[in-house]
Amino acid sequence: RHGSGLTNMHGSTGDIVFLGSTTEEIEPLFADLTKHGFDLGGSGS
């Protein structure tokens, strides 16, 4: 619904990786994930 449909199961840290969304879909994707009990993982420092 929100991105390219491409995934990486899993990244080197273990996360589910969703590859490829537009900037406009970032917040709607997060809202959809949290609605279904998922959360974002870590990145950066």
PDB file of all heavy atoms in Angstrom:
ATOM      1  N   ARG A   1       0.821  -1.216   0.000  1.00  0.00           N
ATOM      2  CA  ARG A   1       0.000   0.000   0.000  1.00  0.00           C
ATOM      3  C   ARG A   1       0.850   1.259   0.000  1.00  0.00           C
ATOM      4  O   ARG A   1       0.429   2.293  -0.528  1.00  0.00           O
ATOM      5  CB  ARG A   1      -0.931   0.022   1.217  1.00  0.00           C
ATOM      6  CG  ARG A   1      -2.083  -0.948   1.133  1.00  0.00           C
ATOM      7  CD  ARG A   1      -3.159  -0.623   2.161  1.00  0.00           C
ATOM      8  NE  ARG A   1      -2.739  -0.882   3.533  1.00  0.00           N
ATOM      9  CZ  ARG A   1      -2.901  -2.049   4.157  1.00  0.00           C
ATOM     10  NH1 ARG A   1      -3.445  -3.073   3.515  1.00  0.00           N
ATOM     11  NH2 ARG A   1      -2.523  -2.194   5.409  1.00  0.00           N
ATOM     12  N   HIS A   2       2.037   1.191   0.593  1.00  0.00           N
ATOM     13  CA  HIS A   2       2.791   2.426   0.838  1.00  0.00           C
ATOM     14  C   HIS A   2       4.158   2.497   0.148  1.00  0.00           C
ATOM     15  O   HIS A   2       4.799   3.558   0.200  1.00  0.00           O
ATOM     16  CB  HIS A   2       3.011   2.598   2.345  1.00  0.00           C
ATOM     17  CG  HIS A   2       1.739   2.694   3.128  1.00  0.00           C
ATOM     18  ND1 HIS A   2       0.933   3.807   3.109  1.00  0.00           N
ATOM     19  CD2 HIS A   2       1.119   1.793   3.939  1.00  0.00           C
ATOM     20  CE1 HIS A   2      -0.114   3.602   3.888  1.00  0.00           C
ATOM     21  NE2 HIS A   2      -0.031   2.384   4.404  1.00  0.00           N
ATOM     22  N   GLY A   3       4.610   1.418  -0.457  1.00  0.00           N
ATOM     23  CA  GLY A   3       5.956   1.449  -1.017  1.00  0.00           C
ATOM     24  C   GLY A   3       6.116   0.584  -2.249  1.00  0.00           C
ATOM     25  O   GLY A   3       5.140   0.225  -2.922  1.00  0.00           O
ATOM     26  N   SER A   4       7.351   0.217  -2.519  1.00  0.00           N
ATOM     27  CA  SER A   4       7.698  -0.517  -3.734  1.00  0.00           C
ATOM     28  C   SER A   4       7.281  -1.977  -3.700  1.00  0.00           C
ATOM     29  O   SER A   4       7.198  -2.635  -4.732  1.00  0.00           O
ATOM     30  CB  SER A   4       9.214  -0.440  -3.954  1.00  0.00           C
ATOM     31  OG  SER A   4       9.888  -1.216  -2.966  1.00  0.00           O
ATOM     32  N   GLY A   5       7.069  -2.523  -2.500  1.00  0.00           N
ATOM     33  CA  GLY A   5       6.802  -3.949  -2.359  1.00  0.00           C
ATOM     34  C   GLY A   5       8.057  -4.781  -2.201  1.00  0.00           C
ATOM     35  O   GLY A   5       7.986  -5.979  -1.938  1.00  0.00           O
ATOM     36  N   LEU A   6       9.241  -4.151  -2.339  1.00  0.00           N
ATOM     37  CA  LEU A   6      10.506  -4.868  -2.203  1.00  0.00           C
ATOM     38  C   LEU A   6      10.890  -4.969  -0.726  1.00  0.00           C
ATOM     39  O   LEU A   6      10.812  -3.979   0.013  1.00  0.00           O
ATOM     40  CB  LEU A   6      11.620  -4.144  -2.961  1.00  0.00           C
ATOM     41  CG  LEU A   6      11.417  -3.975  -4.467  1.00  0.00           C
ATOM     42  CD1 LEU A   6      12.549  -3.139  -5.054  1.00  0.00           C
ATOM     43  CD2 LEU A   6      11.334  -5.322  -5.156  1.00  0.00           C
ATOM     44  N   THR A   7      11.296  -6.147  -0.302  1.00  0.00           N
ATOM     45  CA  THR A   7      11.700  -6.348   1.097  1.00  0.00           C
ATOM     46  C   THR A   7      13.043  -7.059   1.166  1.00  0.00           C
ATOM     47  O   THR A   7      13.487  -7.695   0.210  1.00  0.00           O
ATOM     48  CB  THR A   7      10.675  -7.202   1.869  1.00  0.00           C
ATOM     49  OG1 THR A   7      10.625  -8.515   1.285  1.00  0.00           O
ATOM     50  CG2 THR A   7       9.300  -6.582   1.825  1.00  0.00           C
ATOM     51  N   ASN A   8      13.666  -6.951   2.322  1.00  0.00           N
ATOM     52  CA  ASN A   8      14.865  -7.713   2.644  1.00  0.00           C
ATOM     53  C   ASN A   8      14.597  -8.382   3.988  1.00  0.00           C
ATOM     54  O   ASN A   8      14.472  -7.716   5.002  1.00  0.00           O
ATOM     55  CB  ASN A   8      16.075  -6.778   2.734  1.00  0.00           C
ATOM     56  CG  ASN A   8      17.352  -7.496   3.123  1.00  0.00           C
ATOM     57  OD1 ASN A   8      17.360  -8.706   3.340  1.00  0.00           O
ATOM     58  ND2 ASN A   8      18.444  -6.746   3.231  1.00  0.00           N
ATOM     59  N   MET A   9      14.506  -9.690   3.976  1.00  0.00           N
ATOM     60  CA  MET A   9      14.214 -10.441   5.207  1.00  0.00           C
ATOM     61  C   MET A   9      15.433 -11.283   5.579  1.00  0.00           C
ATOM     62  O   MET A   9      15.580 -12.397   5.118  1.00  0.00           O
ATOM     63  CB  MET A   9      12.999 -11.338   5.012  1.00  0.00           C
ATOM     64  CG  MET A   9      11.742 -10.636   4.538  1.00  0.00           C
ATOM     65  SD  MET A   9      10.966  -9.572   5.753  1.00  0.00           S
ATOM     66  CE  MET A   9      10.021 -10.771   6.661  1.00  0.00           C
ATOM     67  N   HIS A  10      16.352 -10.794   6.353  1.00  0.00           N
ATOM     68  CA  HIS A  10      16.319  -9.556   7.120  1.00  0.00           C
ATOM     69  C   HIS A  10      17.629  -8.816   6.917  1.00  0.00           C
ATOM     70  O   HIS A  10      18.566  -9.357   6.334  1.00  0.00           O
ATOM     71  CB  HIS A  10      16.133  -9.855   8.607  1.00  0.00           C
ATOM     72  CG  HIS A  10      14.861 -10.564   8.932  1.00  0.00           C
ATOM     73  ND1 HIS A  10      14.682 -11.911   8.765  1.00  0.00           N
ATOM     74  CD2 HIS A  10      13.682 -10.099   9.415  1.00  0.00           C
ATOM     75  CE1 HIS A  10      13.469 -12.252   9.141  1.00  0.00           C
ATOM     76  NE2 HIS A  10      12.828 -11.177   9.535  1.00  0.00           N
ATOM     77  N   GLY A  11      17.730  -7.583   7.452  1.00  0.00           N
ATOM     78  CA  GLY A  11      18.976  -6.841   7.388  1.00  0.00           C
ATOM     79  C   GLY A  11      20.018  -7.440   8.312  1.00  0.00           C
ATOM     80  O   GLY A  11      19.745  -8.323   9.125  1.00  0.00           O
ATOM     81  N   SER A  12      21.241  -6.927   8.228  1.00  0.00           N
ATOM     82  CA  SER A  12      22.349  -7.489   9.016  1.00  0.00           C
ATOM     83  C   SER A  12      22.128  -7.318  10.515  1.00  0.00           C
ATOM     84  O   SER A  12      22.644  -8.103  11.319  1.00  0.00           O
ATOM     85  CB  SER A  12      23.681  -6.843   8.607  1.00  0.00           C
ATOM     86  OG  SER A  12      23.646  -5.451   8.826  1.00  0.00           O
ATOM     87  N   THR A  13      21.370  -6.304  10.915  1.00  0.00           N
ATOM     88  CA  THR A  13      21.058  -6.119  12.327  1.00  0.00           C
ATOM     89  C   THR A  13      19.855  -6.956  12.746  1.00  0.00           C
ATOM     90  O   THR A  13      19.599  -7.152  13.921  1.00  0.00           O
ATOM     91  CB  THR A  13      20.804  -4.627  12.627  1.00  0.00           C
ATOM     92  OG1 THR A  13      21.937  -3.875  12.199  1.00  0.00           O
ATOM     93  CG2 THR A  13      20.601  -4.377  14.106  1.00  0.00           C
ATOM     94  N   GLY A  14      19.101  -7.434  11.770  1.00  0.00           N
ATOM     95  CA  GLY A  14      17.961  -8.281  12.075  1.00  0.00           C
ATOM     96  C   GLY A  14      16.621  -7.716  11.678  1.00  0.00           C
ATOM     97  O   GLY A  14      15.614  -8.417  11.682  1.00  0.00           O
ATOM     98  N   ASP A  15      16.589  -6.411  11.342  1.00  0.00           N
ATOM     99  CA  ASP A  15      15.307  -5.773  11.036  1.00  0.00           C
ATOM    100  C   ASP A  15      14.665  -6.340   9.773  1.00  0.00           C
ATOM    101  O   ASP A  15      15.342  -6.811   8.860  1.00  0.00           O
ATOM    102  CB  ASP A  15      15.509  -4.268  10.795  1.00  0.00           C
ATOM    103  CG  ASP A  15      16.107  -3.562  11.978  1.00  0.00           C
ATOM    104  OD1 ASP A  15      15.364  -3.213  12.896  1.00  0.00           O
ATOM    105  OD2 ASP A  15      17.333  -3.342  11.982  1.00  0.00           O
ATOM    106  N   ILE A  16      13.335  -6.233   9.723  1.00  0.00           N
ATOM    107  CA  ILE A  16      12.616  -6.353   8.461  1.00  0.00           C
ATOM    108  C   ILE A  16      12.928  -5.069   7.688  1.00  0.00           C
ATOM    109  O   ILE A  16      12.766  -3.967   8.226  1.00  0.00           O
ATOM    110  CB  ILE A  16      11.100  -6.437   8.697  1.00  0.00           C
ATOM    111  CG1 ILE A  16      10.764  -7.551   9.695  1.00  0.00           C
ATOM    112  CG2 ILE A  16      10.348  -6.608   7.397  1.00  0.00           C
ATOM    113  CD1 ILE A  16       9.424  -7.366  10.374  1.00  0.00           C
ATOM    114  N   VAL A  17      13.374  -5.183   6.448  1.00  0.00           N
ATOM    115  CA  VAL A  17      13.768  -4.005   5.688  1.00  0.00           C
ATOM    116  C   VAL A  17      12.797  -3.794   4.537  1.00  0.00           C
ATOM    117  O   VAL A  17      12.611  -4.678   3.692  1.00  0.00           O
ATOM    118  CB  VAL A  17      15.214  -4.149   5.153  1.00  0.00           C
ATOM    119  CG1 VAL A  17      15.592  -2.920   4.325  1.00  0.00           C
ATOM    120  CG2 VAL A  17      16.191  -4.318   6.308  1.00  0.00           C
ATOM    121  N   PHE A  18      12.167  -2.626   4.519  1.00  0.00           N
ATOM    122  CA  PHE A  18      11.306  -2.208   3.412  1.00  0.00           C
ATOM    123  C   PHE A  18      12.116  -1.279   2.521  1.00  0.00           C
ATOM    124  O   PHE A  18      12.571  -0.219   2.959  1.00  0.00           O
ATOM    125  CB  PHE A  18      10.071  -1.462   3.929  1.00  0.00           C
ATOM    126  CG  PHE A  18       9.054  -2.339   4.617  1.00  0.00           C
ATOM    127  CD1 PHE A  18       8.014  -1.769   5.339  1.00  0.00           C
ATOM    128  CD2 PHE A  18       9.109  -3.716   4.531  1.00  0.00           C
ATOM    129  CE1 PHE A  18       7.056  -2.560   5.955  1.00  0.00           C
ATOM    130  CE2 PHE A  18       8.168  -4.521   5.147  1.00  0.00           C
ATOM    131  CZ  PHE A  18       7.137  -3.940   5.868  1.00  0.00           C
ATOM    132  N   LEU A  19      12.279  -1.655   1.258  1.00  0.00           N
ATOM    133  CA  LEU A  19      13.141  -0.924   0.339  1.00  0.00           C
ATOM    134  C   LEU A  19      12.318  -0.086  -0.626  1.00  0.00           C
ATOM    135  O   LEU A  19      11.662  -0.634  -1.524  1.00  0.00           O
ATOM    136  CB  LEU A  19      14.015  -1.900  -0.458  1.00  0.00           C
ATOM    137  CG  LEU A  19      15.047  -2.694   0.340  1.00  0.00           C
ATOM    138  CD1 LEU A  19      15.554  -3.870  -0.485  1.00  0.00           C
ATOM    139  CD2 LEU A  19      16.200  -1.797   0.723  1.00  0.00           C
ATOM    140  N   GLY A  20      12.330   1.229  -0.435  1.00  0.00           N
ATOM    141  CA  GLY A  20      11.776   2.108  -1.442  1.00  0.00           C
ATOM    142  C   GLY A  20      10.399   2.668  -1.201  1.00  0.00           C
ATOM    143  O   GLY A  20       9.400   2.047  -1.528  1.00  0.00           O
ATOM    144  N   SER A  21      10.340   3.870  -0.603  1.00  0.00           N
ATOM    145  CA  SER A  21       9.067   4.594  -0.514  1.00  0.00           C
ATOM    146  C   SER A  21       9.313   6.059  -0.841  1.00  0.00           C
ATOM    147  O   SER A  21      10.447   6.551  -0.767  1.00  0.00           O
ATOM    148  CB  SER A  21       8.459   4.483   0.884  1.00  0.00           C
ATOM    149  OG  SER A  21       9.013   5.447   1.774  1.00  0.00           O
ATOM    150  N   THR A  22       8.265   6.763  -1.187  1.00  0.00           N
ATOM    151  CA  THR A  22       8.367   8.208  -1.373  1.00  0.00           C
ATOM    152  C   THR A  22       8.328   8.892  -0.011  1.00  0.00           C
ATOM    153  O   THR A  22       7.940   8.295   0.998  1.00  0.00           O
ATOM    154  CB  THR A  22       7.200   8.726  -2.236  1.00  0.00           C
ATOM    155  OG1 THR A  22       5.972   8.461  -1.543  1.00  0.00           O
ATOM    156  CG2 THR A  22       7.188   8.041  -3.594  1.00  0.00           C
ATOM    157  N   THR A  23       8.698  10.153   0.011  1.00  0.00           N
ATOM    158  CA  THR A  23       8.681  10.911   1.262  1.00  0.00           C
ATOM    159  C   THR A  23       7.258  11.054   1.797  1.00  0.00           C
ATOM    160  O   THR A  23       7.019  10.988   3.003  1.00  0.00           O
ATOM    161  CB  THR A  23       9.301  12.303   1.038  1.00  0.00           C
ATOM    162  OG1 THR A  23      10.629  12.149   0.511  1.00  0.00           O
ATOM    163  CG2 THR A  23       9.363  13.093   2.345  1.00  0.00           C
ATOM    164  N   GLU A  24       6.292  11.209   0.890  1.00  0.00           N
ATOM    165  CA  GLU A  24       4.902  11.419   1.287  1.00  0.00           C
ATOM    166  C   GLU A  24       4.310  10.201   2.000  1.00  0.00           C
ATOM    167  O   GLU A  24       3.354  10.335   2.775  1.00  0.00           O
ATOM    168  CB  GLU A  24       4.041  11.748   0.066  1.00  0.00           C
ATOM    169  CG  GLU A  24       4.360  13.071  -0.606  1.00  0.00           C
ATOM    170  CD  GLU A  24       5.647  13.028  -1.413  1.00  0.00           C
ATOM    171  OE1 GLU A  24       6.075  11.916  -1.794  1.00  0.00           O
ATOM    172  OE2 GLU A  24       6.225  14.111  -1.657  1.00  0.00           O
ATOM    173  N   GLU A  25       4.872   9.016   1.775  1.00  0.00           N
ATOM    174  CA  GLU A  25       4.322   7.795   2.353  1.00  0.00           C
ATOM    175  C   GLU A  25       4.962   7.406   3.689  1.00  0.00           C
ATOM    176  O   GLU A  25       4.560   6.412   4.288  1.00  0.00           O
ATOM    177  CB  GLU A  25       4.460   6.634   1.364  1.00  0.00           C
ATOM    178  CG  GLU A  25       3.526   6.703   0.177  1.00  0.00           C
ATOM    179  CD  GLU A  25       2.061   6.568   0.569  1.00  0.00           C
ATOM    180  OE1 GLU A  25       1.773   5.958   1.627  1.00  0.00           O
ATOM    181  OE2 GLU A  25       1.201   7.073  -0.179  1.00  0.00           O
ATOM    182  N   ILE A  26       5.931   8.171   4.166  1.00  0.00           N
ATOM    183  CA  ILE A  26       6.632   7.788   5.394  1.00  0.00           C
ATOM    184  C   ILE A  26       5.690   7.754   6.589  1.00  0.00           C
ATOM    185  O   ILE A  26       5.622   6.757   7.328  1.00  0.00           O
ATOM    186  CB  ILE A  26       7.827   8.732   5.656  1.00  0.00           C
ATOM    187  CG1 ILE A  26       8.919   8.510   4.614  1.00  0.00           C
ATOM    188  CG2 ILE A  26       8.391   8.519   7.067  1.00  0.00           C
ATOM    189  CD1 ILE A  26      10.090   9.471   4.730  1.00  0.00           C
ATOM    190  N   GLU A  27       4.964   8.831   6.822  1.00  0.00           N
ATOM    191  CA  GLU A  27       4.057   8.885   7.973  1.00  0.00           C
ATOM    192  C   GLU A  27       2.873   7.919   7.835  1.00  0.00           C
ATOM    193  O   GLU A  27       2.533   7.221   8.793  1.00  0.00           O
ATOM    194  CB  GLU A  27       3.561  10.317   8.199  1.00  0.00           C
ATOM    195  CG  GLU A  27       4.592  11.253   8.827  1.00  0.00           C
ATOM    196  CD  GLU A  27       4.829  10.970  10.311  1.00  0.00           C
ATOM    197  OE1 GLU A  27       4.128  10.116  10.891  1.00  0.00           O
ATOM    198  OE2 GLU A  27       5.737  11.598  10.880  1.00  0.00           O
ATOM    199  N   PRO A  28       2.221   7.845   6.667  1.00  0.00           N
ATOM    200  CA  PRO A  28       1.127   6.869   6.528  1.00  0.00           C
ATOM    201  C   PRO A  28       1.589   5.428   6.746  1.00  0.00           C
ATOM    202  O   PRO A  28       0.859   4.621   7.336  1.00  0.00           O
ATOM    203  CB  PRO A  28       0.642   7.093   5.090  1.00  0.00           C
ATOM    204  CG  PRO A  28       1.006   8.507   4.781  1.00  0.00           C
ATOM    205  CD  PRO A  28       2.292   8.750   5.499  1.00  0.00           C
ATOM    206  N   LEU A  29       2.788   5.101   6.279  1.00  0.00           N
ATOM    207  CA  LEU A  29       3.316   3.750   6.495  1.00  0.00           C
ATOM    208  C   LEU A  29       3.500   3.476   7.980  1.00  0.00           C
ATOM    209  O   LEU A  29       3.106   2.415   8.493  1.00  0.00           O
ATOM    210  CB  LEU A  29       4.645   3.586   5.767  1.00  0.00           C
ATOM    211  CG  LEU A  29       5.458   2.330   6.118  1.00  0.00           C
ATOM    212  CD1 LEU A  29       4.712   1.066   5.714  1.00  0.00           C
ATOM    213  CD2 LEU A  29       6.833   2.368   5.471  1.00  0.00           C
ATOM    214  N   PHE A  30       4.075   4.438   8.693  1.00  0.00           N
ATOM    215  CA  PHE A  30       4.305   4.266  10.128  1.00  0.00           C
ATOM    216  C   PHE A  30       2.981   4.100  10.874  1.00  0.00           C
ATOM    217  O   PHE A  30       2.853   3.243  11.757  1.00  0.00           O
ATOM    218  CB  PHE A  30       5.079   5.471  10.665  1.00  0.00           C
ATOM    219  CG  PHE A  30       5.330   5.427  12.148  1.00  0.00           C
ATOM    220  CD1 PHE A  30       6.094   4.417  12.712  1.00  0.00           C
ATOM    221  CD2 PHE A  30       4.804   6.399  12.988  1.00  0.00           C
ATOM    222  CE1 PHE A  30       6.329   4.371  14.081  1.00  0.00           C
ATOM    223  CE2 PHE A  30       5.033   6.368  14.348  1.00  0.00           C
ATOM    224  CZ  PHE A  30       5.795   5.349  14.902  1.00  0.00           C
ATOM    225  N   ALA A  31       1.992   4.886  10.502  1.00  0.00           N
ATOM    226  CA  ALA A  31       0.678   4.777  11.145  1.00  0.00           C
ATOM    227  C   ALA A  31       0.064   3.407  10.902  1.00  0.00           C
ATOM    228  O   ALA A  31      -0.534   2.807  11.804  1.00  0.00           O
ATOM    229  CB  ALA A  31      -0.244   5.881  10.625  1.00  0.00           C
ATOM    230  N   ASP A  32       0.223   2.898   9.693  1.00  0.00           N
ATOM    231  CA  ASP A  32      -0.312   1.579   9.350  1.00  0.00           C
ATOM    232  C   ASP A  32       0.414   0.475  10.123  1.00  0.00           C
ATOM    233  O   ASP A  32      -0.199  -0.482  10.604  1.00  0.00           O
ATOM    234  CB  ASP A  32      -0.180   1.353   7.846  1.00  0.00           C
ATOM    235  CG  ASP A  32      -1.335   0.544   7.270  1.00  0.00           C
ATOM    236  OD1 ASP A  32      -2.118  -0.012   8.060  1.00  0.00           O
ATOM    237  OD2 ASP A  32      -1.454   0.461   6.031  1.00  0.00           O
ATOM    238  N   LEU A  33       1.719   0.601  10.247  1.00  0.00           N
ATOM    239  CA  LEU A  33       2.498  -0.394  10.995  1.00  0.00           C
ATOM    240  C   LEU A  33       2.085  -0.427  12.466  1.00  0.00           C
ATOM    241  O   LEU A  33       1.836  -1.499  13.035  1.00  0.00           O
ATOM    242  CB  LEU A  33       3.997  -0.086  10.883  1.00  0.00           C
ATOM    243  CG  LEU A  33       4.690  -0.435   9.572  1.00  0.00           C
ATOM    244  CD1 LEU A  33       6.101   0.164   9.544  1.00  0.00           C
ATOM    245  CD2 LEU A  33       4.773  -1.945   9.373  1.00  0.00           C
ATOM    246  N   THR A  34       2.027   0.737  13.092  1.00  0.00           N
ATOM    247  CA  THR A  34       1.695   0.779  14.517  1.00  0.00           C
ATOM    248  C   THR A  34       0.260   0.323  14.778  1.00  0.00           C
ATOM    249  O   THR A  34      -0.022  -0.288  15.813  1.00  0.00           O
ATOM    250  CB  THR A  34       1.901   2.192  15.089  1.00  0.00           C
ATOM    251  OG1 THR A  34       1.152   3.137  14.311  1.00  0.00           O
ATOM    252  CG2 THR A  34       3.367   2.584  15.047  1.00  0.00           C
ATOM    253  N   LYS A  35      -0.631   0.590  13.834  1.00  0.00           N
ATOM    254  CA  LYS A  35      -2.010   0.127  13.963  1.00  0.00           C
ATOM    255  C   LYS A  35      -2.070  -1.397  14.058  1.00  0.00           C
ATOM    256  O   LYS A  35      -2.929  -1.962  14.756  1.00  0.00           O
ATOM    257  CB  LYS A  35      -2.820   0.616  12.766  1.00  0.00           C
ATOM    258  CG  LYS A  35      -4.259   0.119  12.735  1.00  0.00           C
ATOM    259  CD  LYS A  35      -4.971   0.605  11.475  1.00  0.00           C
ATOM    260  CE  LYS A  35      -6.375   0.029  11.386  1.00  0.00           C
ATOM    261  NZ  LYS A  35      -7.060   0.472  10.132  1.00  0.00           N
ATOM    262  N   HIS A  36      -1.131  -2.066  13.399  1.00  0.00           N
ATOM    263  CA  HIS A  36      -1.120  -3.529  13.380  1.00  0.00           C
ATOM    264  C   HIS A  36      -0.076  -4.126  14.329  1.00  0.00           C
ATOM    265  O   HIS A  36       0.272  -5.309  14.233  1.00  0.00           O
ATOM    266  CB  HIS A  36      -0.868  -4.029  11.955  1.00  0.00           C
ATOM    267  CG  HIS A  36      -2.019  -3.784  11.023  1.00  0.00           C
ATOM    268  ND1 HIS A  36      -2.162  -2.604  10.310  1.00  0.00           N
ATOM    269  CD2 HIS A  36      -3.103  -4.553  10.704  1.00  0.00           C
ATOM    270  CE1 HIS A  36      -3.262  -2.657   9.580  1.00  0.00           C
ATOM    271  NE2 HIS A  36      -3.853  -3.824   9.803  1.00  0.00           N
ATOM    272  N   GLY A  37       0.458  -3.300  15.240  1.00  0.00           N
ATOM    273  CA  GLY A  37       1.318  -3.818  16.297  1.00  0.00           C
ATOM    274  C   GLY A  37       2.796  -3.873  15.988  1.00  0.00           C
ATOM    275  O   GLY A  37       3.570  -4.481  16.734  1.00  0.00           O
ATOM    276  N   PHE A  38       3.230  -3.214  14.909  1.00  0.00           N
ATOM    277  CA  PHE A  38       4.651  -3.189  14.569  1.00  0.00           C
ATOM    278  C   PHE A  38       5.236  -1.816  14.865  1.00  0.00           C
ATOM    279  O   PHE A  38       4.523  -0.825  14.975  1.00  0.00           O
ATOM    280  CB  PHE A  38       4.856  -3.535  13.089  1.00  0.00           C
ATOM    281  CG  PHE A  38       4.506  -4.962  12.747  1.00  0.00           C
ATOM    282  CD1 PHE A  38       3.243  -5.279  12.260  1.00  0.00           C
ATOM    283  CD2 PHE A  38       5.421  -5.984  12.929  1.00  0.00           C
ATOM    284  CE1 PHE A  38       2.907  -6.583  11.949  1.00  0.00           C
ATOM    285  CE2 PHE A  38       5.095  -7.292  12.631  1.00  0.00           C
ATOM    286  CZ  PHE A  38       3.836  -7.597  12.136  1.00  0.00           C
ATOM    287  N   ASP A  39       6.558  -1.769  14.976  1.00  0.00           N
ATOM    288  CA  ASP A  39       7.252  -0.512  15.253  1.00  0.00           C
ATOM    289  C   ASP A  39       8.493  -0.439  14.380  1.00  0.00           C
ATOM    290  O   ASP A  39       8.993  -1.458  13.886  1.00  0.00           O
ATOM    291  CB  ASP A  39       7.651  -0.447  16.738  1.00  0.00           C
ATOM    292  CG  ASP A  39       8.036   0.956  17.182  1.00  0.00           C
ATOM    293  OD1 ASP A  39       7.910   1.903  16.376  1.00  0.00           O
ATOM    294  OD2 ASP A  39       8.482   1.099  18.332  1.00  0.00           O
ATOM    295  N   LEU A  40       9.021   0.762  14.216  1.00  0.00           N
ATOM    296  CA  LEU A  40      10.264   0.919  13.478  1.00  0.00           C
ATOM    297  C   LEU A  40      11.443   0.438  14.319  1.00  0.00           C
ATOM    298  O   LEU A  40      11.404   0.453  15.552  1.00  0.00           O
ATOM    299  CB  LEU A  40      10.475   2.382  13.081  1.00  0.00           C
ATOM    300  CG  LEU A  40       9.504   2.971  12.057  1.00  0.00           C
ATOM    301  CD1 LEU A  40       9.869   4.420  11.771  1.00  0.00           C
ATOM    302  CD2 LEU A  40       9.504   2.156  10.766  1.00  0.00           C
ATOM    303  N   GLY A  41      12.509   0.043  13.656  1.00  0.00           N
ATOM    304  CA  GLY A  41      13.741  -0.340  14.329  1.00  0.00           C
ATOM    305  C   GLY A  41      14.698   0.836  14.429  1.00  0.00           C
ATOM    306  O   GLY A  41      14.316   1.991  14.252  1.00  0.00           O
ATOM    307  N   GLY A  42      15.952   0.537  14.701  1.00  0.00           N
ATOM    308  CA  GLY A  42      16.937   1.584  14.912  1.00  0.00           C
ATOM    309  C   GLY A  42      17.778   1.857  13.681  1.00  0.00           C
ATOM    310  O   GLY A  42      18.040   0.976  12.872  1.00  0.00           O
ATOM    311  N   SER A  43      18.203   3.106  13.539  1.00  0.00           N
ATOM    312  CA  SER A  43      19.171   3.493  12.516  1.00  0.00           C
ATOM    313  C   SER A  43      19.862   4.755  13.006  1.00  0.00           C
ATOM    314  O   SER A  43      19.370   5.442  13.895  1.00  0.00           O
ATOM    315  CB  SER A  43      18.501   3.739  11.161  1.00  0.00           C
ATOM    316  OG  SER A  43      17.685   4.893  11.202  1.00  0.00           O
ATOM    317  N   GLY A  44      21.008   5.051  12.434  1.00  0.00           N
ATOM    318  CA  GLY A  44      21.743   6.225  12.869  1.00  0.00           C
ATOM    319  C   GLY A  44      22.519   5.963  14.148  1.00  0.00           C
ATOM    320  O   GLY A  44      22.803   4.822  14.522  1.00  0.00           O
ATOM    321  N   SER A  45      22.860   7.029  14.861  1.00  0.00           N
ATOM    322  CA  SER A  45      23.712   6.936  16.049  1.00  0.00           C
ATOM    323  C   SER A  45      22.890   6.628  17.292  1.00  0.00           C
ATOM    324  O   SER A  45      22.797   7.426  18.228  1.00  0.00           O
ATOM    325  CB  SER A  45      24.500   8.234  16.218  1.00  0.00           C
ATOM    326  OG  SER A  45      25.363   8.433  15.123  1.00  0.00           O
TER     327      SER A  45
END
